[in-house]
Amino acid sequence: MQVIKKELGLEKDDKDAIGDKFRERLADKTVPAAVQTVIDEELNKLNFLESHSSEFNVTRCYLDWLTSLPWGVTSEENLKLADAQVILDEDHYGMEDIKKRILEFIAVSQLKGTTQGKILCFHGPPGVGKTSIELIAFCPITYQNVLLSRLEREVR
């Protein structure tokens, strides 16, 4: 019965539903051509893989990550150095190196007029304030937080 429904188009395969979900996510995003090519190749590969294989899960996780990124999404930049200094000093004691680096980042962005193409990467042991400092420092800025440790675990 399921085979007949599937052939009539009344019921979709799990692979088809997964592929449709990824295509739906990308519908309103402006994806660069090179990235779109990779996504199309991965979607084709996903259709040929057995759904119980480990490669299927790796490909699905990769597509999930690719389609979750904010392709083509931009926001207004608030690059007021004095405001940033006040916010950082109010909310965090110490961490002078990190504060200095954030202020340097904002100052260079002010001079250039944009933050496009720049990345700040915080690293260190758990519990030292990486996430809280980024939440405080970049509160007025829309940004993307990519946890590389989580990504690494998903791929394994």
N, C-alpha and C. Protein backbone atom coordinates (compact mmCIF):
# COMPACT_ATOMS: atom_id res chain seq x y z
N MET A 1 0.81 -1.19 0.00
CA MET A 1 0.00 0.00 0.00
C MET A 1 0.87 1.27 0.00
N GLN A 2 1.95 1.24 0.82
CA GLN A 2 2.83 2.41 0.88
C GLN A 2 3.50 2.66 -0.46
N VAL A 3 3.87 1.60 -1.16
CA VAL A 3 4.53 1.74 -2.46
C VAL A 3 3.58 2.41 -3.45
N ILE A 4 2.32 2.01 -3.44
CA ILE A 4 1.32 2.59 -4.35
C ILE A 4 1.12 4.08 -4.03
N LYS A 5 1.00 4.41 -2.73
CA LYS A 5 0.83 5.81 -2.33
C LYS A 5 2.04 6.64 -2.74
N LYS A 6 3.22 6.05 -2.58
CA LYS A 6 4.44 6.76 -2.95
C LYS A 6 4.49 7.02 -4.46
N GLU A 7 4.11 6.01 -5.26
CA GLU A 7 4.11 6.16 -6.71
C GLU A 7 3.08 7.18 -7.18
N LEU A 8 1.97 7.28 -6.47
CA LEU A 8 0.94 8.25 -6.81
C LEU A 8 1.27 9.65 -6.31
N GLY A 9 2.32 9.74 -5.50
CA GLY A 9 2.72 11.05 -4.97
C GLY A 9 1.96 11.46 -3.73
N LEU A 10 1.22 10.51 -3.14
CA LEU A 10 0.45 10.81 -1.94
C LEU A 10 1.29 10.71 -0.67
N GLU A 11 2.37 9.97 -0.75
CA GLU A 11 3.23 9.79 0.42
C GLU A 11 4.67 9.96 0.00
N LYS A 12 5.43 10.63 0.83
CA LYS A 12 6.83 10.88 0.49
C LYS A 12 7.75 9.97 1.29
N ASP A 13 8.87 9.66 0.67
CA ASP A 13 9.93 8.90 1.32
C ASP A 13 10.59 9.81 2.35
N ASP A 14 11.22 9.24 3.37
CA ASP A 14 11.94 10.03 4.38
C ASP A 14 13.01 10.89 3.73
N LYS A 15 13.72 10.33 2.75
CA LYS A 15 14.78 11.08 2.06
C LYS A 15 14.20 12.29 1.34
N ASP A 16 13.04 12.11 0.71
CA ASP A 16 12.39 13.22 0.01
C ASP A 16 11.98 14.31 0.99
N ALA A 17 11.45 13.90 2.14
CA ALA A 17 11.02 14.87 3.15
C ALA A 17 12.22 15.65 3.68
N ILE A 18 13.34 14.97 3.89
CA ILE A 18 14.55 15.64 4.38
C ILE A 18 15.06 16.63 3.33
N GLY A 19 15.11 16.20 2.08
CA GLY A 19 15.56 17.08 1.00
C GLY A 19 14.66 18.29 0.85
N ASP A 20 13.34 18.08 0.96
CA ASP A 20 12.39 19.20 0.88
C ASP A 20 12.59 20.18 2.02
N LYS A 21 12.89 19.64 3.21
CA LYS A 21 13.12 20.51 4.37
C LYS A 21 14.31 21.43 4.12
N PHE A 22 15.40 20.87 3.56
CA PHE A 22 16.59 21.68 3.29
C PHE A 22 16.32 22.71 2.19
N ARG A 23 15.61 22.31 1.16
CA ARG A 23 15.27 23.25 0.07
C ARG A 23 14.37 24.38 0.58
N GLU A 24 13.45 24.04 1.47
CA GLU A 24 12.54 25.03 2.04
C GLU A 24 13.31 26.06 2.87
N ARG A 25 14.31 25.60 3.62
CA ARG A 25 15.13 26.52 4.41
C ARG A 25 15.86 27.53 3.53
N LEU A 26 16.27 27.10 2.35
CA LEU A 26 17.05 27.96 1.46
C LEU A 26 16.19 28.85 0.57
N ALA A 27 14.88 28.66 0.60
CA ALA A 27 14.00 29.37 -0.33
C ALA A 27 14.12 30.89 -0.23
N ASP A 28 14.24 31.42 0.97
CA ASP A 28 14.28 32.88 1.13
C ASP A 28 15.68 33.42 1.40
N LYS A 29 16.70 32.60 1.18
CA LYS A 29 18.08 33.03 1.41
C LYS A 29 18.81 33.23 0.09
N THR A 30 19.78 34.13 0.10
CA THR A 30 20.61 34.39 -1.07
C THR A 30 21.92 33.63 -0.90
N VAL A 31 21.97 32.45 -1.47
CA VAL A 31 23.14 31.58 -1.32
C VAL A 31 24.10 31.82 -2.48
N PRO A 32 25.41 32.00 -2.20
CA PRO A 32 26.39 32.16 -3.29
C PRO A 32 26.38 30.94 -4.21
N ALA A 33 26.70 31.15 -5.46
CA ALA A 33 26.64 30.08 -6.47
C ALA A 33 27.52 28.89 -6.10
N ALA A 34 28.72 29.15 -5.61
CA ALA A 34 29.63 28.05 -5.25
C ALA A 34 29.05 27.21 -4.12
N VAL A 35 28.43 27.86 -3.15
CA VAL A 35 27.83 27.14 -2.03
C VAL A 35 26.60 26.38 -2.50
N GLN A 36 25.81 26.98 -3.38
CA GLN A 36 24.62 26.31 -3.91
C GLN A 36 25.01 25.04 -4.66
N THR A 37 26.13 25.08 -5.38
CA THR A 37 26.62 23.90 -6.09
C THR A 37 26.94 22.78 -5.10
N VAL A 38 27.61 23.13 -4.01
CA VAL A 38 27.94 22.13 -2.98
C VAL A 38 26.67 21.56 -2.37
N ILE A 39 25.71 22.42 -2.07
CA ILE A 39 24.45 21.97 -1.48
C ILE A 39 23.72 21.03 -2.43
N ASP A 40 23.67 21.37 -3.70
CA ASP A 40 23.01 20.51 -4.69
C ASP A 40 23.70 19.15 -4.78
N GLU A 41 25.04 19.15 -4.78
CA GLU A 41 25.79 17.89 -4.83
C GLU A 41 25.49 17.03 -3.60
N GLU A 42 25.45 17.67 -2.44
CA GLU A 42 25.18 16.93 -1.21
C GLU A 42 23.74 16.40 -1.18
N LEU A 43 22.79 17.17 -1.70
CA LEU A 43 21.41 16.68 -1.77
C LEU A 43 21.30 15.49 -2.71
N ASN A 44 22.00 15.54 -3.84
CA ASN A 44 22.01 14.40 -4.76
C ASN A 44 22.63 13.18 -4.10
N LYS A 45 23.73 13.39 -3.38
CA LYS A 45 24.39 12.29 -2.69
C LYS A 45 23.45 11.69 -1.65
N LEU A 46 22.71 12.55 -0.95
CA LEU A 46 21.79 12.09 0.08
C LEU A 46 20.71 11.18 -0.50
N ASN A 47 20.25 11.48 -1.72
CA ASN A 47 19.22 10.66 -2.36
C ASN A 47 19.71 9.26 -2.70
N PHE A 48 21.01 9.11 -2.94
CA PHE A 48 21.54 7.80 -3.33
C PHE A 48 22.02 6.97 -2.14
N LEU A 49 22.23 7.60 -1.01
CA LEU A 49 22.73 6.87 0.15
C LEU A 49 21.61 6.12 0.86
N GLU A 50 21.96 5.02 1.47
CA GLU A 50 21.02 4.25 2.28
C GLU A 50 20.79 5.02 3.58
N SER A 51 19.55 5.16 4.00
CA SER A 51 19.23 6.01 5.15
C SER A 51 19.80 5.48 6.47
N HIS A 52 20.23 4.23 6.49
CA HIS A 52 20.79 3.67 7.73
C HIS A 52 22.32 3.72 7.75
N SER A 53 22.93 4.22 6.70
CA SER A 53 24.39 4.26 6.65
C SER A 53 24.92 5.46 7.44
N SER A 54 26.16 5.34 7.89
CA SER A 54 26.77 6.44 8.65
C SER A 54 27.02 7.65 7.74
N GLU A 55 27.34 7.41 6.47
CA GLU A 55 27.58 8.50 5.52
C GLU A 55 26.31 9.34 5.32
N PHE A 56 25.15 8.69 5.37
CA PHE A 56 23.88 9.41 5.25
C PHE A 56 23.74 10.42 6.39
N ASN A 57 24.04 9.99 7.61
CA ASN A 57 23.91 10.86 8.77
C ASN A 57 24.91 12.01 8.71
N VAL A 58 26.14 11.74 8.28
CA VAL A 58 27.15 12.79 8.14
C VAL A 58 26.71 13.82 7.11
N THR A 59 26.20 13.35 5.98
CA THR A 59 25.73 14.24 4.92
C THR A 59 24.53 15.06 5.38
N ARG A 60 23.62 14.42 6.09
CA ARG A 60 22.44 15.13 6.61
C ARG A 60 22.85 16.22 7.60
N CYS A 61 23.80 15.92 8.49
CA CYS A 61 24.29 16.92 9.46
C CYS A 61 24.97 18.08 8.74
N TYR A 62 25.74 17.77 7.71
CA TYR A 62 26.43 18.81 6.94
C TYR A 62 25.41 19.72 6.24
N LEU A 63 24.40 19.12 5.64
CA LEU A 63 23.35 19.91 4.98
C LEU A 63 22.56 20.73 5.99
N ASP A 64 22.32 20.15 7.15
CA ASP A 64 21.62 20.87 8.21
C ASP A 64 22.41 22.12 8.60
N TRP A 65 23.72 21.97 8.74
CA TRP A 65 24.59 23.09 9.08
C TRP A 65 24.62 24.12 7.96
N LEU A 66 24.79 23.66 6.72
CA LEU A 66 24.85 24.58 5.58
C LEU A 66 23.56 25.39 5.42
N THR A 67 22.44 24.75 5.62
CA THR A 67 21.16 25.44 5.41
C THR A 67 20.73 26.27 6.61
N SER A 68 21.40 26.11 7.74
CA SER A 68 21.07 26.90 8.93
C SER A 68 21.83 28.22 8.98
N LEU A 69 22.88 28.36 8.19
CA LEU A 69 23.66 29.60 8.18
C LEU A 69 22.83 30.73 7.58
N PRO A 70 23.06 31.97 8.03
CA PRO A 70 22.25 33.10 7.55
C PRO A 70 22.75 33.67 6.22
N TRP A 71 22.66 32.91 5.15
CA TRP A 71 23.15 33.35 3.84
C TRP A 71 22.40 34.59 3.39
N GLY A 72 23.13 35.64 3.05
CA GLY A 72 22.54 36.86 2.51
C GLY A 72 21.81 37.73 3.52
N VAL A 73 21.89 37.40 4.80
CA VAL A 73 21.22 38.19 5.83
C VAL A 73 22.19 39.25 6.34
N THR A 74 21.78 40.51 6.30
CA THR A 74 22.62 41.60 6.77
C THR A 74 21.88 42.42 7.82
N SER A 75 22.62 43.25 8.53
CA SER A 75 22.01 44.11 9.55
C SER A 75 22.78 45.41 9.63
N GLU A 76 22.18 46.40 10.29
CA GLU A 76 22.83 47.68 10.51
C GLU A 76 23.98 47.48 11.49
N GLU A 77 25.08 48.19 11.28
CA GLU A 77 26.22 48.09 12.17
C GLU A 77 26.24 49.28 13.12
N ASN A 78 26.39 49.01 14.40
CA ASN A 78 26.50 50.05 15.42
C ASN A 78 27.94 50.05 15.89
N LEU A 79 28.74 50.96 15.38
CA LEU A 79 30.18 50.96 15.65
C LEU A 79 30.59 52.15 16.52
N LYS A 80 29.93 52.34 17.65
CA LYS A 80 30.26 53.44 18.55
C LYS A 80 31.25 52.95 19.59
N LEU A 81 32.49 53.39 19.47
CA LEU A 81 33.58 52.93 20.33
C LEU A 81 33.35 53.30 21.79
N ALA A 82 32.90 54.52 22.06
CA ALA A 82 32.69 54.96 23.45
C ALA A 82 31.61 54.13 24.13
N ASP A 83 30.52 53.85 23.41
CA ASP A 83 29.45 53.02 23.98
C ASP A 83 29.95 51.61 24.28
N ALA A 84 30.74 51.08 23.38
CA ALA A 84 31.28 49.73 23.57
C ALA A 84 32.17 49.67 24.81
N GLN A 85 33.00 50.68 25.01
CA GLN A 85 33.89 50.73 26.17
C GLN A 85 33.08 50.74 27.47
N VAL A 86 32.03 51.56 27.51
CA VAL A 86 31.19 51.64 28.70
C VAL A 86 30.50 50.30 28.98
N ILE A 87 29.94 49.70 27.95
CA ILE A 87 29.24 48.42 28.11
C ILE A 87 30.19 47.34 28.61
N LEU A 88 31.37 47.25 28.03
CA LEU A 88 32.33 46.23 28.45
C LEU A 88 32.79 46.44 29.88
N ASP A 89 33.05 47.69 30.29
CA ASP A 89 33.52 47.97 31.65
C ASP A 89 32.43 47.75 32.69
N GLU A 90 31.17 48.02 32.33
CA GLU A 90 30.06 47.83 33.27
C GLU A 90 29.84 46.37 33.59
N ASP A 91 29.92 45.53 32.61
CA ASP A 91 29.46 44.15 32.76
C ASP A 91 30.54 43.11 33.04
N HIS A 92 31.79 43.42 32.80
CA HIS A 92 32.85 42.43 33.01
C HIS A 92 34.05 43.05 33.69
N TYR A 93 34.45 42.45 34.80
CA TYR A 93 35.65 42.88 35.51
C TYR A 93 36.82 42.06 34.97
N GLY A 94 37.94 42.71 34.75
CA GLY A 94 39.09 41.99 34.22
C GLY A 94 38.95 41.77 32.73
N MET A 95 39.50 40.68 32.24
CA MET A 95 39.43 40.30 30.83
C MET A 95 39.92 41.43 29.92
N GLU A 96 40.96 42.12 30.36
CA GLU A 96 41.44 43.31 29.64
C GLU A 96 41.90 42.99 28.22
N ASP A 97 42.55 41.84 28.03
CA ASP A 97 43.01 41.48 26.68
C ASP A 97 41.84 41.34 25.70
N ILE A 98 40.79 40.68 26.18
CA ILE A 98 39.62 40.47 25.32
C ILE A 98 38.93 41.80 25.02
N LYS A 99 38.77 42.63 26.06
CA LYS A 99 38.14 43.94 25.86
C LYS A 99 38.94 44.78 24.87
N LYS A 100 40.26 44.75 25.02
CA LYS A 100 41.12 45.51 24.12
C LYS A 100 40.95 45.03 22.68
N ARG A 101 40.88 43.72 22.49
CA ARG A 101 40.73 43.15 21.15
C ARG A 101 39.38 43.51 20.54
N ILE A 102 38.32 43.49 21.35
CA ILE A 102 36.99 43.86 20.85
C ILE A 102 36.97 45.33 20.44
N LEU A 103 37.54 46.19 21.28
CA LEU A 103 37.58 47.63 20.97
C LEU A 103 38.43 47.89 19.73
N GLU A 104 39.51 47.15 19.59
CA GLU A 104 40.36 47.26 18.39
C GLU A 104 39.56 46.86 17.14
N PHE A 105 38.80 45.80 17.26
CA PHE A 105 37.95 45.32 16.17
C PHE A 105 36.96 46.41 15.75
N ILE A 106 36.32 47.03 16.74
CA ILE A 106 35.33 48.08 16.46
C ILE A 106 36.01 49.31 15.85
N ALA A 107 37.19 49.68 16.38
CA ALA A 107 37.91 50.85 15.86
C ALA A 107 38.31 50.66 14.40
N VAL A 108 38.84 49.50 14.07
CA VAL A 108 39.22 49.21 12.68
C VAL A 108 37.98 49.21 11.79
N SER A 109 36.89 48.66 12.30
CA SER A 109 35.64 48.64 11.53
C SER A 109 35.13 50.05 11.28
N GLN A 110 35.29 50.94 12.27
CA GLN A 110 34.90 52.34 12.09
C GLN A 110 35.72 53.00 10.99
N LEU A 111 37.02 52.75 11.01
CA LEU A 111 37.90 53.35 10.00
C LEU A 111 37.58 52.85 8.60
N LYS A 112 37.31 51.55 8.49
CA LYS A 112 37.01 50.97 7.18
C LYS A 112 35.56 51.19 6.77
N GLY A 113 34.69 51.41 7.74
CA GLY A 113 33.29 51.65 7.45
C GLY A 113 32.44 50.40 7.40
N THR A 114 33.03 49.23 7.63
CA THR A 114 32.27 47.99 7.60
C THR A 114 33.00 46.90 8.39
N THR A 115 32.24 45.90 8.84
CA THR A 115 32.84 44.73 9.49
C THR A 115 32.83 43.53 8.56
N GLN A 116 32.41 43.73 7.34
CA GLN A 116 32.27 42.62 6.40
C GLN A 116 33.58 41.85 6.24
N GLY A 117 33.49 40.54 6.34
CA GLY A 117 34.65 39.69 6.13
C GLY A 117 35.54 39.50 7.33
N LYS A 118 35.15 40.04 8.48
CA LYS A 118 35.98 39.91 9.68
C LYS A 118 35.33 38.95 10.66
N ILE A 119 36.18 38.21 11.35
CA ILE A 119 35.69 37.23 12.31
C ILE A 119 36.46 37.40 13.61
N LEU A 120 35.76 37.41 14.72
CA LEU A 120 36.38 37.35 16.04
C LEU A 120 36.16 35.93 16.55
N CYS A 121 37.21 35.29 16.98
CA CYS A 121 37.12 33.91 17.45
C CYS A 121 37.59 33.86 18.90
N PHE A 122 36.69 33.52 19.83
CA PHE A 122 37.04 33.40 21.24
C PHE A 122 37.30 31.93 21.54
N HIS A 123 38.39 31.67 22.24
CA HIS A 123 38.68 30.28 22.61
C HIS A 123 39.17 30.24 24.04
N GLY A 124 39.04 29.10 24.67
CA GLY A 124 39.48 28.93 26.04
C GLY A 124 38.68 27.84 26.71
N PRO A 125 39.05 27.51 27.94
CA PRO A 125 38.34 26.45 28.66
C PRO A 125 36.91 26.87 29.00
N PRO A 126 36.06 25.90 29.31
CA PRO A 126 34.67 26.21 29.66
C PRO A 126 34.60 27.07 30.93
N GLY A 127 33.64 28.00 30.93
CA GLY A 127 33.37 28.77 32.14
C GLY A 127 34.19 30.02 32.34
N VAL A 128 34.96 30.46 31.35
CA VAL A 128 35.79 31.65 31.53
C VAL A 128 35.12 32.92 31.02
N GLY A 129 33.94 32.82 30.42
CA GLY A 129 33.19 34.00 30.02
C GLY A 129 33.17 34.31 28.54
N LYS A 130 33.52 33.36 27.69
CA LYS A 130 33.55 33.61 26.24
C LYS A 130 32.17 33.99 25.72
N THR A 131 31.18 33.21 26.06
CA THR A 131 29.83 33.46 25.56
C THR A 131 29.24 34.72 26.18
N SER A 132 29.43 34.93 27.47
CA SER A 132 28.84 36.11 28.10
C SER A 132 29.47 37.39 27.57
N ILE A 133 30.77 37.40 27.30
CA ILE A 133 31.40 38.61 26.77
C ILE A 133 30.91 38.88 25.35
N GLU A 134 30.68 37.84 24.57
CA GLU A 134 30.18 38.08 23.21
C GLU A 134 28.74 38.58 23.26
N LEU A 135 27.94 38.09 24.20
CA LEU A 135 26.57 38.57 24.31
C LEU A 135 26.52 40.04 24.73
N ILE A 136 27.42 40.43 25.63
CA ILE A 136 27.47 41.82 26.08
C ILE A 136 28.05 42.72 24.98
N ALA A 137 29.16 42.31 24.41
CA ALA A 137 29.87 43.15 23.44
C ALA A 137 29.08 43.35 22.15
N PHE A 138 28.37 42.32 21.72
CA PHE A 138 27.70 42.39 20.43
C PHE A 138 26.19 42.44 20.55
N CYS A 139 25.70 42.90 21.69
CA CYS A 139 24.26 42.99 21.92
C CYS A 139 23.53 43.76 20.82
N PRO A 140 24.00 44.95 20.40
CA PRO A 140 23.27 45.67 19.36
C PRO A 140 23.51 45.15 17.95
N ILE A 141 24.46 44.23 17.80
CA ILE A 141 24.82 43.73 16.47
C ILE A 141 24.22 42.35 16.28
N THR A 142 23.63 42.10 15.13
CA THR A 142 23.16 40.76 14.80
C THR A 142 24.38 39.97 14.34
N TYR A 143 24.64 38.86 14.98
CA TYR A 143 25.81 38.07 14.65
C TYR A 143 25.46 36.59 14.66
N GLN A 144 26.34 35.78 14.12
CA GLN A 144 26.14 34.34 14.08
C GLN A 144 27.15 33.69 14.99
N ASN A 145 26.67 32.90 15.94
CA ASN A 145 27.54 32.18 16.87
C ASN A 145 27.64 30.74 16.39
N VAL A 146 28.82 30.32 16.01
CA VAL A 146 29.04 28.95 15.55
C VAL A 146 29.92 28.26 16.56
N LEU A 147 29.36 27.27 17.26
CA LEU A 147 30.14 26.52 18.23
C LEU A 147 30.86 25.39 17.52
N LEU A 148 32.15 25.56 17.34
CA LEU A 148 32.92 24.58 16.58
C LEU A 148 33.04 23.26 17.32
N SER A 149 33.03 23.28 18.64
CA SER A 149 33.12 22.02 19.38
C SER A 149 31.88 21.18 19.14
N ARG A 150 30.71 21.79 19.08
CA ARG A 150 29.48 21.06 18.81
C ARG A 150 29.50 20.53 17.38
N LEU A 151 29.95 21.35 16.45
CA LEU A 151 30.02 20.94 15.05
C LEU A 151 30.94 19.74 14.90
N GLU A 152 32.07 19.77 15.59
CA GLU A 152 33.02 18.66 15.51
C GLU A 152 32.39 17.37 16.02
N ARG A 153 31.61 17.46 17.11
CA ARG A 153 30.97 16.27 17.65
C ARG A 153 29.92 15.71 16.71
N GLU A 154 29.19 16.59 16.00
CA GLU A 154 28.16 16.13 15.07
C GLU A 154 28.76 15.38 13.89
N VAL A 155 29.92 15.79 13.44
CA VAL A 155 30.53 15.18 12.26
C VAL A 155 31.11 13.82 12.60
N ARG A 156 31.58 13.64 13.81
CA ARG A 156 32.20 12.36 14.19
C ARG A 156 31.26 11.21 14.15
